[in-house]
Amino acid sequence: MKEMKLDLSEIATTIGKSYHYEIKEGCADYEDLRCTEPITGSVDFTNTGRMIVARGSLSTTVELECSRCLERLTMSVDVKIDEQLPISSLQALIAGHEEELPEEEMEPLFENNVFDLSEFIRQMVLVQVPIKPLCSEACLGLCPTCGRNLNDGPCDCPVNVEASPFAALADILKDEGKRGEE
């Protein structure tokens, strides 16, 4: 995906001014995200006086890896956009000097009235992706011994009860059973 930077200076200087932007970009390939369909949607930017409000939506399909079996899966992502961007030049004028905004009030994607739409889209899509994606809720994952995908059928590895975290409970139950017999 090409880098999209929008100059919103004209909107920032005119209260009530709006700008409509249609998003139709090719698949994005980031280190942490891979889209399989173009990113489409729209965003409306409006100057409210102190902020530029960005509202809209976008959608795409991303390719993920199941956190249990490591198989590839695709997931549709729909994002609702509702963000407020501080107008730095206006805030400096209100304060009566050209001093920078405090760091906690600055928007790193919106500097000098230029908005980094590419990074914003990446972040918005990434937030919608589950931390541990699953191909299905019933996914059995991989055998911890041989690594076989258990969704394809059982493996021939012996079940090691001793390795189970519940093995200690089984020993306690055996000891309780022996005491009851005495």
N, C-alpha and C. Protein backbone atom coordinates (compact mmCIF):
# COMPACT_ATOMS: atom_id res chain seq x y z
N MET A 1 0.84 -1.17 0.00
CA MET A 1 0.00 0.00 0.00
C MET A 1 0.89 1.24 0.00
N LYS A 2 0.56 2.17 -0.84
CA LYS A 2 1.34 3.41 -0.87
C LYS A 2 1.03 4.24 0.37
N GLU A 3 1.97 5.08 0.72
CA GLU A 3 1.80 5.92 1.90
C GLU A 3 0.83 7.04 1.57
N MET A 4 -0.21 7.17 2.39
CA MET A 4 -1.22 8.20 2.17
C MET A 4 -1.10 9.25 3.27
N LYS A 5 -0.77 10.46 2.88
CA LYS A 5 -0.73 11.58 3.81
C LYS A 5 -1.66 12.65 3.28
N LEU A 6 -2.60 13.06 4.12
CA LEU A 6 -3.58 14.05 3.71
C LEU A 6 -3.25 15.40 4.34
N ASP A 7 -3.17 16.44 3.54
CA ASP A 7 -2.95 17.78 4.05
C ASP A 7 -4.32 18.38 4.38
N LEU A 8 -4.57 18.54 5.67
CA LEU A 8 -5.86 19.05 6.14
C LEU A 8 -5.76 20.51 6.57
N SER A 9 -4.79 21.24 6.05
CA SER A 9 -4.58 22.65 6.43
C SER A 9 -5.78 23.51 6.10
N GLU A 10 -6.38 23.30 4.94
CA GLU A 10 -7.54 24.11 4.54
C GLU A 10 -8.70 23.89 5.50
N ILE A 11 -8.93 22.66 5.90
CA ILE A 11 -10.00 22.36 6.86
C ILE A 11 -9.66 22.96 8.22
N ALA A 12 -8.38 22.86 8.63
CA ALA A 12 -7.96 23.34 9.95
C ALA A 12 -8.15 24.85 10.11
N THR A 13 -8.12 25.59 9.03
CA THR A 13 -8.24 27.05 9.13
C THR A 13 -9.67 27.56 8.98
N THR A 14 -10.62 26.69 8.64
CA THR A 14 -12.00 27.13 8.43
C THR A 14 -12.97 26.30 9.27
N ILE A 15 -13.55 26.93 10.29
CA ILE A 15 -14.49 26.24 11.16
C ILE A 15 -15.71 25.83 10.34
N GLY A 16 -16.14 24.59 10.50
CA GLY A 16 -17.29 24.06 9.79
C GLY A 16 -16.96 23.42 8.45
N LYS A 17 -15.75 23.60 7.98
CA LYS A 17 -15.32 23.03 6.70
C LYS A 17 -15.24 21.51 6.81
N SER A 18 -15.65 20.83 5.75
CA SER A 18 -15.62 19.36 5.72
C SER A 18 -14.88 18.89 4.48
N TYR A 19 -14.38 17.66 4.56
CA TYR A 19 -13.68 17.04 3.44
C TYR A 19 -14.03 15.56 3.46
N HIS A 20 -14.47 15.04 2.34
CA HIS A 20 -14.82 13.63 2.20
C HIS A 20 -13.71 12.92 1.44
N TYR A 21 -13.22 11.80 1.97
CA TYR A 21 -12.15 11.06 1.32
C TYR A 21 -12.56 9.60 1.14
N GLU A 22 -12.54 9.13 -0.09
CA GLU A 22 -12.84 7.74 -0.41
C GLU A 22 -11.55 6.92 -0.31
N ILE A 23 -11.64 5.80 0.39
CA ILE A 23 -10.48 4.92 0.54
C ILE A 23 -10.68 3.72 -0.36
N LYS A 24 -9.75 3.50 -1.25
CA LYS A 24 -9.74 2.30 -2.08
C LYS A 24 -8.28 2.03 -2.39
N GLU A 25 -7.66 1.28 -1.52
CA GLU A 25 -6.23 1.02 -1.63
C GLU A 25 -5.99 -0.47 -1.79
N GLY A 26 -4.90 -0.81 -2.42
CA GLY A 26 -4.51 -2.20 -2.57
C GLY A 26 -4.24 -2.84 -1.23
N CYS A 27 -3.98 -4.12 -1.27
CA CYS A 27 -3.71 -4.87 -0.04
C CYS A 27 -2.47 -4.32 0.64
N ALA A 28 -2.57 -4.20 1.92
CA ALA A 28 -1.43 -3.74 2.71
C ALA A 28 -0.65 -4.94 3.21
N ASP A 29 0.65 -4.88 3.09
CA ASP A 29 1.52 -5.92 3.64
C ASP A 29 2.41 -5.29 4.69
N TYR A 30 2.03 -5.49 5.93
CA TYR A 30 2.83 -5.00 7.04
C TYR A 30 3.43 -6.21 7.72
N GLU A 31 4.40 -5.97 8.58
CA GLU A 31 5.03 -7.06 9.31
C GLU A 31 4.01 -7.78 10.20
N ASP A 32 3.08 -7.04 10.77
CA ASP A 32 2.13 -7.60 11.72
C ASP A 32 0.72 -7.78 11.16
N LEU A 33 0.53 -7.56 9.86
CA LEU A 33 -0.80 -7.62 9.27
C LEU A 33 -0.71 -7.86 7.78
N ARG A 34 -1.54 -8.79 7.27
CA ARG A 34 -1.54 -9.06 5.83
C ARG A 34 -2.97 -9.06 5.33
N CYS A 35 -3.30 -8.10 4.47
CA CYS A 35 -4.64 -8.01 3.89
C CYS A 35 -4.70 -8.86 2.62
N THR A 36 -5.86 -9.46 2.37
CA THR A 36 -6.03 -10.27 1.17
C THR A 36 -6.99 -9.62 0.19
N GLU A 37 -7.68 -8.56 0.61
CA GLU A 37 -8.58 -7.80 -0.26
C GLU A 37 -8.27 -6.33 -0.10
N PRO A 38 -8.59 -5.52 -1.10
CA PRO A 38 -8.33 -4.08 -0.98
C PRO A 38 -9.05 -3.48 0.22
N ILE A 39 -8.46 -2.43 0.75
CA ILE A 39 -9.07 -1.69 1.86
C ILE A 39 -9.99 -0.66 1.24
N THR A 40 -11.27 -0.73 1.57
CA THR A 40 -12.25 0.20 0.99
C THR A 40 -13.04 0.87 2.11
N GLY A 41 -13.54 2.05 1.82
CA GLY A 41 -14.36 2.78 2.78
C GLY A 41 -14.28 4.26 2.51
N SER A 42 -14.67 5.04 3.50
CA SER A 42 -14.61 6.50 3.36
C SER A 42 -14.47 7.14 4.73
N VAL A 43 -13.92 8.35 4.72
CA VAL A 43 -13.74 9.13 5.95
C VAL A 43 -14.16 10.56 5.66
N ASP A 44 -14.92 11.14 6.58
CA ASP A 44 -15.30 12.54 6.51
C ASP A 44 -14.54 13.29 7.60
N PHE A 45 -13.82 14.33 7.22
CA PHE A 45 -13.09 15.18 8.16
C PHE A 45 -13.86 16.49 8.29
N THR A 46 -14.15 16.91 9.54
CA THR A 46 -14.90 18.14 9.77
C THR A 46 -14.23 18.95 10.87
N ASN A 47 -14.07 20.26 10.63
CA ASN A 47 -13.50 21.17 11.62
C ASN A 47 -14.63 21.61 12.54
N THR A 48 -14.50 21.30 13.85
CA THR A 48 -15.53 21.67 14.82
C THR A 48 -15.14 22.92 15.60
N GLY A 49 -14.00 23.48 15.30
CA GLY A 49 -13.54 24.67 16.02
C GLY A 49 -12.23 24.40 16.74
N ARG A 50 -12.20 23.39 17.57
CA ARG A 50 -10.98 23.03 18.29
C ARG A 50 -10.38 21.72 17.79
N MET A 51 -11.18 20.95 17.10
CA MET A 51 -10.75 19.64 16.64
C MET A 51 -11.17 19.42 15.19
N ILE A 52 -10.47 18.50 14.56
CA ILE A 52 -10.96 17.96 13.29
C ILE A 52 -11.49 16.58 13.64
N VAL A 53 -12.76 16.36 13.37
CA VAL A 53 -13.39 15.08 13.67
C VAL A 53 -13.35 14.22 12.41
N ALA A 54 -12.85 13.00 12.57
CA ALA A 54 -12.79 12.04 11.46
C ALA A 54 -13.80 10.94 11.73
N ARG A 55 -14.78 10.79 10.83
CA ARG A 55 -15.80 9.75 10.99
C ARG A 55 -15.96 9.01 9.67
N GLY A 56 -16.15 7.70 9.79
CA GLY A 56 -16.34 6.90 8.59
C GLY A 56 -16.21 5.43 8.89
N SER A 57 -15.90 4.67 7.87
CA SER A 57 -15.73 3.23 8.05
C SER A 57 -14.82 2.70 6.95
N LEU A 58 -14.26 1.55 7.21
CA LEU A 58 -13.46 0.87 6.21
C LEU A 58 -13.57 -0.62 6.44
N SER A 59 -13.27 -1.39 5.39
CA SER A 59 -13.33 -2.84 5.51
C SER A 59 -12.27 -3.47 4.62
N THR A 60 -11.89 -4.66 5.02
CA THR A 60 -10.93 -5.46 4.28
C THR A 60 -11.02 -6.89 4.80
N THR A 61 -10.20 -7.76 4.25
CA THR A 61 -10.08 -9.13 4.73
C THR A 61 -8.60 -9.35 5.02
N VAL A 62 -8.32 -9.93 6.18
CA VAL A 62 -6.93 -10.17 6.57
C VAL A 62 -6.66 -11.66 6.67
N GLU A 63 -5.41 -12.01 6.43
CA GLU A 63 -4.98 -13.40 6.58
C GLU A 63 -4.26 -13.52 7.91
N LEU A 64 -4.66 -14.52 8.70
CA LEU A 64 -4.11 -14.73 10.03
C LEU A 64 -3.64 -16.17 10.17
N GLU A 65 -3.00 -16.46 11.29
CA GLU A 65 -2.55 -17.80 11.60
C GLU A 65 -3.27 -18.23 12.88
N CYS A 66 -3.89 -19.41 12.86
CA CYS A 66 -4.59 -19.92 14.04
C CYS A 66 -3.58 -20.08 15.17
N SER A 67 -3.93 -19.60 16.35
CA SER A 67 -3.00 -19.64 17.48
C SER A 67 -2.86 -21.05 18.06
N ARG A 68 -3.72 -22.00 17.67
CA ARG A 68 -3.62 -23.37 18.18
C ARG A 68 -2.97 -24.32 17.19
N CYS A 69 -3.42 -24.30 15.92
CA CYS A 69 -2.93 -25.28 14.94
C CYS A 69 -2.00 -24.68 13.89
N LEU A 70 -1.85 -23.37 13.89
CA LEU A 70 -0.96 -22.63 12.98
C LEU A 70 -1.40 -22.67 11.52
N GLU A 71 -2.63 -23.12 11.24
CA GLU A 71 -3.17 -23.09 9.87
C GLU A 71 -3.57 -21.66 9.52
N ARG A 72 -3.53 -21.34 8.22
CA ARG A 72 -3.93 -20.02 7.74
C ARG A 72 -5.45 -19.91 7.75
N LEU A 73 -5.94 -18.71 8.07
CA LEU A 73 -7.37 -18.44 8.01
C LEU A 73 -7.55 -17.00 7.57
N THR A 74 -8.71 -16.69 7.01
CA THR A 74 -9.01 -15.32 6.63
C THR A 74 -10.16 -14.82 7.48
N MET A 75 -10.12 -13.53 7.73
CA MET A 75 -11.13 -12.91 8.59
C MET A 75 -11.53 -11.56 8.00
N SER A 76 -12.82 -11.33 7.91
CA SER A 76 -13.32 -10.06 7.43
C SER A 76 -13.22 -9.03 8.57
N VAL A 77 -12.75 -7.83 8.25
CA VAL A 77 -12.58 -6.78 9.26
C VAL A 77 -13.35 -5.54 8.82
N ASP A 78 -14.25 -5.10 9.68
CA ASP A 78 -15.01 -3.87 9.45
C ASP A 78 -14.68 -2.91 10.58
N VAL A 79 -14.28 -1.70 10.23
CA VAL A 79 -13.83 -0.72 11.22
C VAL A 79 -14.72 0.52 11.15
N LYS A 80 -15.21 0.95 12.29
CA LYS A 80 -15.92 2.23 12.40
C LYS A 80 -14.91 3.26 12.88
N ILE A 81 -14.83 4.38 12.19
CA ILE A 81 -13.88 5.43 12.53
C ILE A 81 -14.62 6.58 13.20
N ASP A 82 -14.14 6.98 14.37
CA ASP A 82 -14.67 8.13 15.09
C ASP A 82 -13.53 8.69 15.94
N GLU A 83 -12.75 9.57 15.34
CA GLU A 83 -11.55 10.11 15.99
C GLU A 83 -11.60 11.63 16.03
N GLN A 84 -10.92 12.19 17.03
CA GLN A 84 -10.79 13.63 17.14
C GLN A 84 -9.31 13.99 17.06
N LEU A 85 -8.98 14.90 16.16
CA LEU A 85 -7.60 15.31 15.94
C LEU A 85 -7.45 16.77 16.37
N PRO A 86 -6.54 17.06 17.31
CA PRO A 86 -6.38 18.46 17.76
C PRO A 86 -5.76 19.32 16.67
N ILE A 87 -6.30 20.52 16.50
CA ILE A 87 -5.76 21.46 15.51
C ILE A 87 -4.66 22.26 16.20
N SER A 88 -3.42 21.93 15.93
CA SER A 88 -2.28 22.51 16.64
C SER A 88 -2.14 24.01 16.40
N SER A 89 -2.28 24.47 15.17
CA SER A 89 -2.10 25.90 14.89
C SER A 89 -3.18 26.73 15.59
N LEU A 90 -4.40 26.24 15.62
CA LEU A 90 -5.48 26.95 16.28
C LEU A 90 -5.26 26.97 17.79
N GLN A 91 -4.82 25.87 18.36
CA GLN A 91 -4.60 25.80 19.81
C GLN A 91 -3.47 26.76 20.21
N ALA A 92 -2.45 26.89 19.37
CA ALA A 92 -1.36 27.82 19.67
C ALA A 92 -1.87 29.26 19.64
N LEU A 93 -2.77 29.58 18.69
CA LEU A 93 -3.33 30.93 18.61
C LEU A 93 -4.21 31.23 19.82
N ILE A 94 -4.98 30.24 20.26
CA ILE A 94 -5.84 30.43 21.43
C ILE A 94 -4.99 30.69 22.66
N ALA A 95 -3.88 29.97 22.78
CA ALA A 95 -2.99 30.14 23.93
C ALA A 95 -2.23 31.47 23.84
N GLY A 96 -2.20 32.10 22.66
CA GLY A 96 -1.56 33.40 22.50
C GLY A 96 -0.07 33.32 22.23
N HIS A 97 0.43 32.14 21.95
CA HIS A 97 1.85 32.00 21.62
C HIS A 97 2.06 30.77 20.76
N GLU A 98 3.22 30.68 20.19
CA GLU A 98 3.53 29.59 19.26
C GLU A 98 4.12 28.37 19.97
N GLU A 99 3.79 28.18 21.21
CA GLU A 99 4.35 27.06 21.98
C GLU A 99 3.72 25.74 21.53
N GLU A 100 4.49 24.70 21.58
CA GLU A 100 4.00 23.36 21.22
C GLU A 100 2.97 22.88 22.24
N LEU A 101 2.08 22.00 21.79
CA LEU A 101 1.12 21.37 22.69
C LEU A 101 1.86 20.43 23.63
N PRO A 102 1.32 20.21 24.85
CA PRO A 102 1.92 19.20 25.72
C PRO A 102 1.90 17.84 25.02
N GLU A 103 2.87 17.00 25.32
CA GLU A 103 3.03 15.72 24.61
C GLU A 103 1.78 14.86 24.68
N GLU A 104 1.08 14.85 25.83
CA GLU A 104 -0.11 14.00 25.97
C GLU A 104 -1.27 14.48 25.11
N GLU A 105 -1.25 15.74 24.66
CA GLU A 105 -2.31 16.26 23.80
C GLU A 105 -1.98 16.15 22.32
N MET A 106 -0.76 15.78 21.99
CA MET A 106 -0.35 15.69 20.59
C MET A 106 -0.82 14.38 19.97
N GLU A 107 -1.13 14.42 18.71
CA GLU A 107 -1.53 13.23 17.95
C GLU A 107 -0.40 12.92 16.99
N PRO A 108 0.36 11.81 17.22
CA PRO A 108 1.53 11.55 16.39
C PRO A 108 1.20 11.31 14.91
N LEU A 109 -0.03 10.97 14.59
CA LEU A 109 -0.41 10.74 13.20
C LEU A 109 -0.92 12.02 12.53
N PHE A 110 -1.00 13.10 13.29
CA PHE A 110 -1.53 14.36 12.77
C PHE A 110 -0.60 15.49 13.20
N GLU A 111 0.42 15.76 12.38
CA GLU A 111 1.39 16.79 12.69
C GLU A 111 1.36 17.86 11.61
N ASN A 112 1.38 19.11 12.03
CA ASN A 112 1.36 20.26 11.12
C ASN A 112 0.20 20.16 10.12
N ASN A 113 -0.94 19.70 10.61
CA ASN A 113 -2.17 19.55 9.84
C ASN A 113 -2.06 18.55 8.69
N VAL A 114 -1.07 17.66 8.75
CA VAL A 114 -0.92 16.58 7.78
C VAL A 114 -1.22 15.27 8.51
N PHE A 115 -2.18 14.53 7.98
CA PHE A 115 -2.66 13.30 8.62
C PHE A 115 -2.10 12.09 7.90
N ASP A 116 -1.45 11.19 8.64
CA ASP A 116 -0.88 9.95 8.10
C ASP A 116 -1.99 8.89 8.06
N LEU A 117 -2.73 8.86 6.96
CA LEU A 117 -3.87 7.95 6.83
C LEU A 117 -3.43 6.50 6.73
N SER A 118 -2.29 6.22 6.13
CA SER A 118 -1.80 4.83 6.00
C SER A 118 -1.60 4.20 7.37
N GLU A 119 -0.89 4.88 8.24
CA GLU A 119 -0.61 4.34 9.57
C GLU A 119 -1.89 4.27 10.39
N PHE A 120 -2.76 5.26 10.24
CA PHE A 120 -4.04 5.26 10.95
C PHE A 120 -4.86 4.03 10.56
N ILE A 121 -4.95 3.74 9.26
CA ILE A 121 -5.69 2.57 8.79
C ILE A 121 -5.08 1.29 9.34
N ARG A 122 -3.76 1.19 9.30
CA ARG A 122 -3.08 0.00 9.82
C ARG A 122 -3.44 -0.22 11.29
N GLN A 123 -3.38 0.84 12.08
CA GLN A 123 -3.69 0.73 13.51
C GLN A 123 -5.15 0.36 13.74
N MET A 124 -6.06 0.97 12.98
CA MET A 124 -7.49 0.69 13.17
C MET A 124 -7.82 -0.76 12.82
N VAL A 125 -7.22 -1.29 11.75
CA VAL A 125 -7.46 -2.68 11.36
C VAL A 125 -6.83 -3.62 12.38
N LEU A 126 -5.63 -3.31 12.82
CA LEU A 126 -4.91 -4.17 13.78
C LEU A 126 -5.67 -4.30 15.10
N VAL A 127 -6.32 -3.23 15.52
CA VAL A 127 -7.10 -3.27 16.77
C VAL A 127 -8.28 -4.24 16.65
N GLN A 128 -8.81 -4.42 15.45
CA GLN A 128 -9.96 -5.29 15.25
C GLN A 128 -9.59 -6.78 15.15
N VAL A 129 -8.31 -7.07 14.98
CA VAL A 129 -7.86 -8.45 14.83
C VAL A 129 -7.71 -9.07 16.22
N PRO A 130 -8.25 -10.27 16.44
CA PRO A 130 -8.11 -10.90 17.76
C PRO A 130 -6.65 -11.20 18.09
N ILE A 131 -6.32 -11.15 19.38
CA ILE A 131 -4.95 -11.42 19.82
C ILE A 131 -4.57 -12.87 19.55
N LYS A 132 -5.51 -13.77 19.80
CA LYS A 132 -5.28 -15.19 19.55
C LYS A 132 -6.36 -15.70 18.61
N PRO A 133 -6.17 -15.50 17.30
CA PRO A 133 -7.18 -15.94 16.34
C PRO A 133 -7.29 -17.46 16.30
N LEU A 134 -8.50 -17.95 16.08
CA LEU A 134 -8.75 -19.39 15.99
C LEU A 134 -9.44 -19.71 14.67
N CYS A 135 -9.05 -20.83 14.07
CA CYS A 135 -9.72 -21.26 12.84
C CYS A 135 -11.14 -21.72 13.17
N SER A 136 -11.34 -22.26 14.37
CA SER A 136 -12.67 -22.59 14.89
C SER A 136 -12.56 -22.75 16.40
N GLU A 137 -13.68 -22.57 17.09
CA GLU A 137 -13.68 -22.72 18.54
C GLU A 137 -13.31 -24.14 18.95
N ALA A 138 -13.59 -25.12 18.10
CA ALA A 138 -13.31 -26.52 18.40
C ALA A 138 -11.91 -26.96 17.96
N CYS A 139 -11.05 -26.03 17.58
CA CYS A 139 -9.70 -26.37 17.11
C CYS A 139 -8.96 -27.15 18.20
N LEU A 140 -8.38 -28.29 17.82
CA LEU A 140 -7.66 -29.15 18.77
C LEU A 140 -6.19 -28.79 18.90
N GLY A 141 -5.68 -28.00 17.99
CA GLY A 141 -4.29 -27.57 18.08
C GLY A 141 -3.31 -28.63 17.59
N LEU A 142 -2.07 -28.52 18.08
CA LEU A 142 -1.00 -29.41 17.68
C LEU A 142 -0.64 -30.36 18.82
N CYS A 143 -0.18 -31.57 18.48
CA CYS A 143 0.31 -32.51 19.48
C CYS A 143 1.59 -31.92 20.08
N PRO A 144 1.69 -31.83 21.39
CA PRO A 144 2.89 -31.25 21.99
C PRO A 144 4.14 -32.12 21.81
N THR A 145 3.95 -33.40 21.44
CA THR A 145 5.09 -34.29 21.26
C THR A 145 5.59 -34.31 19.83
N CYS A 146 4.70 -34.61 18.87
CA CYS A 146 5.14 -34.75 17.48
C CYS A 146 4.81 -33.55 16.60
N GLY A 147 3.91 -32.67 17.04
CA GLY A 147 3.58 -31.48 16.29
C GLY A 147 2.50 -31.68 15.23
N ARG A 148 1.87 -32.84 15.20
CA ARG A 148 0.82 -33.10 14.21
C ARG A 148 -0.41 -32.25 14.51
N ASN A 149 -1.06 -31.80 13.45
CA ASN A 149 -2.30 -31.05 13.59
C ASN A 149 -3.39 -32.04 14.00
N LEU A 150 -3.89 -31.93 15.21
CA LEU A 150 -4.87 -32.88 15.75
C LEU A 150 -6.25 -32.71 15.10
N ASN A 151 -6.47 -31.65 14.34
CA ASN A 151 -7.72 -31.49 13.59
C ASN A 151 -7.77 -32.47 12.43
N ASP A 152 -6.61 -32.94 11.97
CA ASP A 152 -6.53 -33.92 10.88
C ASP A 152 -6.68 -35.35 11.38
N GLY A 153 -6.78 -35.54 12.66
CA GLY A 153 -6.91 -36.88 13.25
C GLY A 153 -5.89 -37.06 14.36
N PRO A 154 -6.09 -38.10 15.18
CA PRO A 154 -5.17 -38.32 16.31
C PRO A 154 -3.81 -38.80 15.82
N CYS A 155 -2.81 -38.58 16.64
CA CYS A 155 -1.46 -39.05 16.32
C CYS A 155 -1.20 -40.34 17.11
N ASP A 156 -0.06 -40.95 16.90
CA ASP A 156 0.28 -42.21 17.57
C ASP A 156 1.09 -42.01 18.83
N CYS A 157 1.22 -40.79 19.29
CA CYS A 157 2.01 -40.52 20.49
C CYS A 157 1.28 -41.04 21.72
N PRO A 158 2.03 -41.66 22.65
CA PRO A 158 1.39 -42.13 23.88
C PRO A 158 0.97 -40.92 24.73
N VAL A 159 -0.13 -41.09 25.42
CA VAL A 159 -0.61 -40.04 26.30
C VAL A 159 0.21 -40.11 27.58
N ASN A 160 0.92 -39.07 27.89
CA ASN A 160 1.79 -39.03 29.06
C ASN A 160 1.03 -38.37 30.20
N VAL A 161 0.44 -39.20 31.06
CA VAL A 161 -0.35 -38.69 32.18
C VAL A 161 0.55 -37.97 33.18
N GLU A 162 1.78 -38.44 33.34
CA GLU A 162 2.71 -37.83 34.29
C GLU A 162 3.02 -36.37 33.93
N ALA A 163 2.99 -36.05 32.65
CA ALA A 163 3.29 -34.68 32.22
C ALA A 163 2.12 -33.75 32.45
N SER A 164 0.97 -34.31 32.74
CA SER A 164 -0.22 -33.51 32.95
C SER A 164 -0.11 -32.73 34.26
N PRO A 165 -0.59 -31.50 34.29
CA PRO A 165 -0.59 -30.75 35.54
C PRO A 165 -1.52 -31.36 36.58
N PHE A 166 -2.41 -32.25 36.13
CA PHE A 166 -3.34 -32.89 37.05
C PHE A 166 -2.82 -34.22 37.58
N ALA A 167 -1.60 -34.61 37.19
CA ALA A 167 -1.02 -35.87 37.65
C ALA A 167 -0.87 -35.87 39.17
N ALA A 168 -0.53 -34.74 39.75
CA ALA A 168 -0.39 -34.66 41.20
C ALA A 168 -1.73 -34.90 41.88
N LEU A 169 -2.81 -34.46 41.28
CA LEU A 169 -4.15 -34.71 41.85
C LEU A 169 -4.49 -36.20 41.80
N ALA A 170 -4.09 -36.87 40.73
CA ALA A 170 -4.34 -38.30 40.62
C ALA A 170 -3.61 -39.05 41.73
N ASP A 171 -2.38 -38.65 42.06
CA ASP A 171 -1.63 -39.27 43.15
C ASP A 171 -2.32 -39.05 44.48
N ILE A 172 -2.85 -37.85 44.69
CA ILE A 172 -3.56 -37.56 45.94
C ILE A 172 -4.80 -38.43 46.06
N LEU A 173 -5.54 -38.59 44.95
CA LEU A 173 -6.75 -39.42 44.97
C LEU A 173 -6.39 -40.88 45.25
N LYS A 174 -5.28 -41.36 44.70
CA LYS A 174 -4.84 -42.73 44.97
C LYS A 174 -4.53 -42.90 46.45
N ASP A 175 -3.82 -41.91 47.02
CA ASP A 175 -3.47 -41.97 48.45
C ASP A 175 -4.73 -41.94 49.31
N GLU A 176 -5.71 -41.14 48.96
CA GLU A 176 -6.97 -41.05 49.71
C GLU A 176 -7.72 -42.40 49.64
N GLY A 177 -7.68 -43.02 48.46
CA GLY A 177 -8.33 -44.31 48.27
C GLY A 177 -7.69 -45.38 49.13
N LYS A 178 -6.37 -45.37 49.27
CA LYS A 178 -5.65 -46.34 50.10
C LYS A 178 -5.98 -46.13 51.56
N ARG A 179 -6.10 -44.90 52.00
CA ARG A 179 -6.45 -44.60 53.41
C ARG A 179 -7.85 -45.07 53.73
N GLY A 180 -8.75 -44.93 52.76
CA GLY A 180 -10.14 -45.36 52.98
C GLY A 180 -10.26 -46.87 53.09
N GLU A 181 -9.36 -47.62 52.47
CA GLU A 181 -9.39 -49.07 52.51
C GLU A 181 -8.84 -49.61 53.81
N GLU A 182 -8.04 -48.85 54.52
CA GLU A 182 -7.41 -49.31 55.76
C GLU A 182 -8.31 -49.36 56.91
